[in-house]
Amino acid sequence: MSNVFLALQANEDTRAIIEAITEDNPHAVVHPSPAMVKIDAEGSLTVRRETIEALIGRSFDLQELHINLISLSGHIDETDDELTLHWNA
């Protein structure tokens, strides 16, 4: 399988998002840098709105993710509730 990744700005707004991603994707590997955080995962990586909302204590529109998104790799499947990166087999 190939890796997918998501790179986010390293700031206060993304702290809970990164925590939610790692909670929902225990196979993911986080690579922090001074200005960004890259999250790699083999096969697929899913960002769930519900998990983020539980951590930040308010409603969260997954489109807000794009404000702090630097880059990503993989095919994207997106709904109002989840964003999944994967590579087709």
N, C-alpha and C. Protein backbone atom coordinates (compact mmCIF):
# COMPACT_ATOMS: atom_id res chain seq x y z
N MET A 1 0.83 -1.19 0.00
CA MET A 1 0.00 0.00 0.00
C MET A 1 0.87 1.25 0.00
N SER A 2 0.33 2.32 -0.52
CA SER A 2 1.03 3.60 -0.55
C SER A 2 0.55 4.51 0.56
N ASN A 3 1.39 5.45 0.92
CA ASN A 3 1.03 6.41 1.95
C ASN A 3 0.23 7.57 1.37
N VAL A 4 -0.69 8.09 2.18
CA VAL A 4 -1.37 9.35 1.91
C VAL A 4 -0.88 10.31 2.98
N PHE A 5 -1.06 11.61 2.74
CA PHE A 5 -0.69 12.55 3.78
C PHE A 5 -1.53 13.81 3.72
N LEU A 6 -1.52 14.49 4.84
CA LEU A 6 -2.21 15.77 5.01
C LEU A 6 -1.23 16.67 5.74
N ALA A 7 -1.01 17.89 5.25
CA ALA A 7 -0.13 18.84 5.91
C ALA A 7 -0.94 20.07 6.30
N LEU A 8 -0.88 20.42 7.57
CA LEU A 8 -1.63 21.56 8.11
C LEU A 8 -0.68 22.57 8.73
N GLN A 9 -1.08 23.83 8.74
CA GLN A 9 -0.32 24.84 9.45
C GLN A 9 -0.29 24.45 10.92
N ALA A 10 0.82 24.72 11.57
CA ALA A 10 0.94 24.46 13.01
C ALA A 10 0.51 25.71 13.75
N ASN A 11 -0.72 25.71 14.24
CA ASN A 11 -1.23 26.86 14.99
C ASN A 11 -2.30 26.39 15.98
N GLU A 12 -2.82 27.32 16.73
CA GLU A 12 -3.81 26.98 17.76
C GLU A 12 -5.08 26.37 17.16
N ASP A 13 -5.48 26.82 15.97
CA ASP A 13 -6.70 26.32 15.33
C ASP A 13 -6.58 24.86 14.91
N THR A 14 -5.39 24.42 14.58
CA THR A 14 -5.23 23.05 14.08
C THR A 14 -4.90 22.03 15.17
N ARG A 15 -4.60 22.49 16.36
CA ARG A 15 -4.23 21.55 17.44
C ARG A 15 -5.30 20.47 17.65
N ALA A 16 -6.55 20.87 17.77
CA ALA A 16 -7.64 19.90 17.99
C ALA A 16 -7.90 19.06 16.74
N ILE A 17 -7.72 19.64 15.57
CA ILE A 17 -7.91 18.89 14.33
C ILE A 17 -6.89 17.77 14.24
N ILE A 18 -5.64 18.08 14.54
CA ILE A 18 -4.58 17.07 14.52
C ILE A 18 -4.85 15.98 15.55
N GLU A 19 -5.29 16.39 16.73
CA GLU A 19 -5.62 15.41 17.77
C GLU A 19 -6.76 14.50 17.32
N ALA A 20 -7.77 15.07 16.68
CA ALA A 20 -8.90 14.28 16.19
C ALA A 20 -8.46 13.29 15.11
N ILE A 21 -7.60 13.74 14.21
CA ILE A 21 -7.12 12.86 13.14
C ILE A 21 -6.35 11.69 13.72
N THR A 22 -5.48 11.95 14.68
CA THR A 22 -4.70 10.86 15.27
C THR A 22 -5.57 9.93 16.11
N GLU A 23 -6.61 10.47 16.72
CA GLU A 23 -7.53 9.63 17.49
C GLU A 23 -8.28 8.67 16.57
N ASP A 24 -8.72 9.17 15.41
CA ASP A 24 -9.50 8.35 14.47
C ASP A 24 -8.64 7.47 13.57
N ASN A 25 -7.34 7.75 13.52
CA ASN A 25 -6.42 7.02 12.64
C ASN A 25 -5.19 6.60 13.43
N PRO A 26 -5.30 5.57 14.28
CA PRO A 26 -4.17 5.18 15.12
C PRO A 26 -2.93 4.75 14.34
N HIS A 27 -3.09 4.42 13.08
CA HIS A 27 -1.96 4.02 12.23
C HIS A 27 -1.22 5.23 11.66
N ALA A 28 -1.75 6.43 11.85
CA ALA A 28 -1.14 7.64 11.30
C ALA A 28 0.12 8.03 12.07
N VAL A 29 1.06 8.64 11.35
CA VAL A 29 2.31 9.10 11.94
C VAL A 29 2.37 10.61 11.79
N VAL A 30 2.57 11.31 12.91
CA VAL A 30 2.60 12.77 12.92
C VAL A 30 4.05 13.24 12.87
N HIS A 31 4.32 14.17 11.94
CA HIS A 31 5.66 14.76 11.78
C HIS A 31 5.55 16.27 12.02
N PRO A 32 5.80 16.72 13.26
CA PRO A 32 5.70 18.17 13.52
C PRO A 32 6.94 18.91 13.03
N SER A 33 6.72 20.09 12.53
CA SER A 33 7.78 21.02 12.13
C SER A 33 7.43 22.37 12.75
N PRO A 34 8.33 23.33 12.69
CA PRO A 34 8.03 24.62 13.31
C PRO A 34 6.77 25.30 12.75
N ALA A 35 6.52 25.20 11.45
CA ALA A 35 5.39 25.92 10.87
C ALA A 35 4.26 25.02 10.37
N MET A 36 4.48 23.72 10.36
CA MET A 36 3.44 22.82 9.86
C MET A 36 3.52 21.46 10.54
N VAL A 37 2.44 20.72 10.38
CA VAL A 37 2.38 19.34 10.87
C VAL A 37 1.94 18.48 9.70
N LYS A 38 2.76 17.48 9.38
CA LYS A 38 2.44 16.54 8.31
C LYS A 38 1.99 15.24 8.97
N ILE A 39 0.88 14.71 8.48
CA ILE A 39 0.35 13.46 9.01
C ILE A 39 0.33 12.44 7.87
N ASP A 40 1.13 11.40 8.02
CA ASP A 40 1.22 10.32 7.02
C ASP A 40 0.43 9.12 7.51
N ALA A 41 -0.15 8.39 6.57
CA ALA A 41 -0.83 7.14 6.92
C ALA A 41 -0.74 6.19 5.74
N GLU A 42 -0.55 4.95 6.06
CA GLU A 42 -0.53 3.94 5.01
C GLU A 42 -1.96 3.60 4.62
N GLY A 43 -2.23 3.64 3.32
CA GLY A 43 -3.53 3.23 2.80
C GLY A 43 -4.58 4.32 2.78
N SER A 44 -4.99 4.82 3.94
CA SER A 44 -6.03 5.85 3.98
C SER A 44 -5.94 6.65 5.27
N LEU A 45 -6.59 7.81 5.24
CA LEU A 45 -6.62 8.71 6.38
C LEU A 45 -7.98 9.40 6.35
N THR A 46 -8.70 9.38 7.47
CA THR A 46 -10.03 9.97 7.53
C THR A 46 -10.09 11.07 8.58
N VAL A 47 -10.66 12.20 8.18
CA VAL A 47 -10.90 13.32 9.08
C VAL A 47 -12.41 13.34 9.33
N ARG A 48 -12.81 13.21 10.61
CA ARG A 48 -14.24 13.15 10.95
C ARG A 48 -14.69 14.41 11.67
N ARG A 49 -15.72 15.03 11.14
CA ARG A 49 -16.30 16.24 11.72
C ARG A 49 -16.71 16.02 13.16
N GLU A 50 -17.35 14.92 13.45
CA GLU A 50 -17.86 14.61 14.79
C GLU A 50 -16.74 14.58 15.84
N THR A 51 -15.60 14.01 15.50
CA THR A 51 -14.49 13.93 16.44
C THR A 51 -13.91 15.32 16.70
N ILE A 52 -13.78 16.12 15.66
CA ILE A 52 -13.28 17.49 15.82
C ILE A 52 -14.24 18.29 16.71
N GLU A 53 -15.53 18.19 16.44
CA GLU A 53 -16.52 18.92 17.25
C GLU A 53 -16.45 18.54 18.72
N ALA A 54 -16.25 17.26 19.01
CA ALA A 54 -16.15 16.81 20.40
C ALA A 54 -14.95 17.45 21.10
N LEU A 55 -13.88 17.65 20.37
CA LEU A 55 -12.67 18.22 20.96
C LEU A 55 -12.71 19.74 21.08
N ILE A 56 -13.37 20.42 20.13
CA ILE A 56 -13.38 21.88 20.19
C ILE A 56 -14.62 22.44 20.88
N GLY A 57 -15.64 21.59 21.07
CA GLY A 57 -16.83 22.02 21.79
C GLY A 57 -17.75 22.95 21.03
N ARG A 58 -17.73 22.88 19.72
CA ARG A 58 -18.63 23.70 18.88
C ARG A 58 -18.85 22.99 17.56
N SER A 59 -19.79 23.49 16.78
CA SER A 59 -20.01 22.95 15.44
C SER A 59 -18.79 23.23 14.58
N PHE A 60 -18.50 22.30 13.68
CA PHE A 60 -17.35 22.45 12.79
C PHE A 60 -17.76 22.03 11.40
N ASP A 61 -17.57 22.90 10.44
CA ASP A 61 -17.80 22.60 9.03
C ASP A 61 -16.48 22.11 8.46
N LEU A 62 -16.46 20.93 7.87
CA LEU A 62 -15.19 20.38 7.36
C LEU A 62 -14.51 21.30 6.34
N GLN A 63 -15.27 22.21 5.73
CA GLN A 63 -14.65 23.17 4.82
C GLN A 63 -13.68 24.10 5.55
N GLU A 64 -13.85 24.24 6.87
CA GLU A 64 -12.93 25.05 7.67
C GLU A 64 -11.52 24.47 7.65
N LEU A 65 -11.42 23.19 7.39
CA LEU A 65 -10.12 22.53 7.32
C LEU A 65 -9.23 23.18 6.26
N HIS A 66 -9.83 23.64 5.18
CA HIS A 66 -9.08 24.19 4.05
C HIS A 66 -8.37 25.51 4.39
N ILE A 67 -8.82 26.20 5.43
CA ILE A 67 -8.19 27.45 5.84
C ILE A 67 -6.74 27.21 6.25
N ASN A 68 -6.48 26.10 6.92
CA ASN A 68 -5.15 25.78 7.43
C ASN A 68 -4.45 24.66 6.68
N LEU A 69 -5.04 24.21 5.58
CA LEU A 69 -4.48 23.11 4.80
C LEU A 69 -3.35 23.62 3.91
N ILE A 70 -2.19 22.98 4.00
CA ILE A 70 -1.06 23.33 3.15
C ILE A 70 -1.02 22.44 1.92
N SER A 71 -1.15 21.13 2.14
CA SER A 71 -1.05 20.18 1.04
C SER A 71 -1.66 18.85 1.46
N LEU A 72 -1.94 18.01 0.47
CA LEU A 72 -2.41 16.66 0.74
C LEU A 72 -2.03 15.77 -0.42
N SER A 73 -2.08 14.47 -0.17
CA SER A 73 -1.74 13.50 -1.20
C SER A 73 -2.70 12.33 -1.08
N GLY A 74 -3.32 11.98 -2.20
CA GLY A 74 -4.26 10.87 -2.23
C GLY A 74 -5.53 11.29 -2.93
N HIS A 75 -6.35 10.33 -3.26
CA HIS A 75 -7.67 10.60 -3.81
C HIS A 75 -8.55 11.07 -2.66
N ILE A 76 -9.44 12.00 -2.94
CA ILE A 76 -10.27 12.59 -1.89
C ILE A 76 -11.72 12.13 -2.06
N ASP A 77 -12.28 11.61 -0.98
CA ASP A 77 -13.72 11.35 -0.87
C ASP A 77 -14.20 12.24 0.25
N GLU A 78 -15.14 13.14 -0.05
CA GLU A 78 -15.56 14.12 0.94
C GLU A 78 -17.08 14.20 1.03
N THR A 79 -17.56 14.19 2.27
CA THR A 79 -18.97 14.44 2.57
C THR A 79 -19.01 15.56 3.61
N ASP A 80 -20.19 15.90 4.08
CA ASP A 80 -20.30 16.89 5.15
C ASP A 80 -19.72 16.37 6.46
N ASP A 81 -19.61 15.04 6.60
CA ASP A 81 -19.18 14.43 7.85
C ASP A 81 -17.74 13.92 7.86
N GLU A 82 -17.20 13.59 6.68
CA GLU A 82 -15.87 12.99 6.62
C GLU A 82 -15.12 13.42 5.37
N LEU A 83 -13.80 13.50 5.53
CA LEU A 83 -12.90 13.67 4.40
C LEU A 83 -11.93 12.50 4.48
N THR A 84 -11.87 11.70 3.43
CA THR A 84 -10.99 10.53 3.42
C THR A 84 -10.02 10.64 2.26
N LEU A 85 -8.75 10.42 2.56
CA LEU A 85 -7.70 10.34 1.56
C LEU A 85 -7.35 8.87 1.39
N HIS A 86 -7.17 8.43 0.15
CA HIS A 86 -6.82 7.03 -0.10
C HIS A 86 -6.23 6.92 -1.50
N TRP A 87 -5.63 5.82 -1.78
CA TRP A 87 -5.19 5.49 -3.14
C TRP A 87 -6.02 4.33 -3.62
N ASN A 88 -6.50 4.41 -4.85
CA ASN A 88 -7.26 3.30 -5.43
C ASN A 88 -6.35 2.11 -5.64
N ALA A 89 -6.90 0.94 -5.40
CA ALA A 89 -6.11 -0.29 -5.55
C ALA A 89 -5.97 -0.67 -7.01
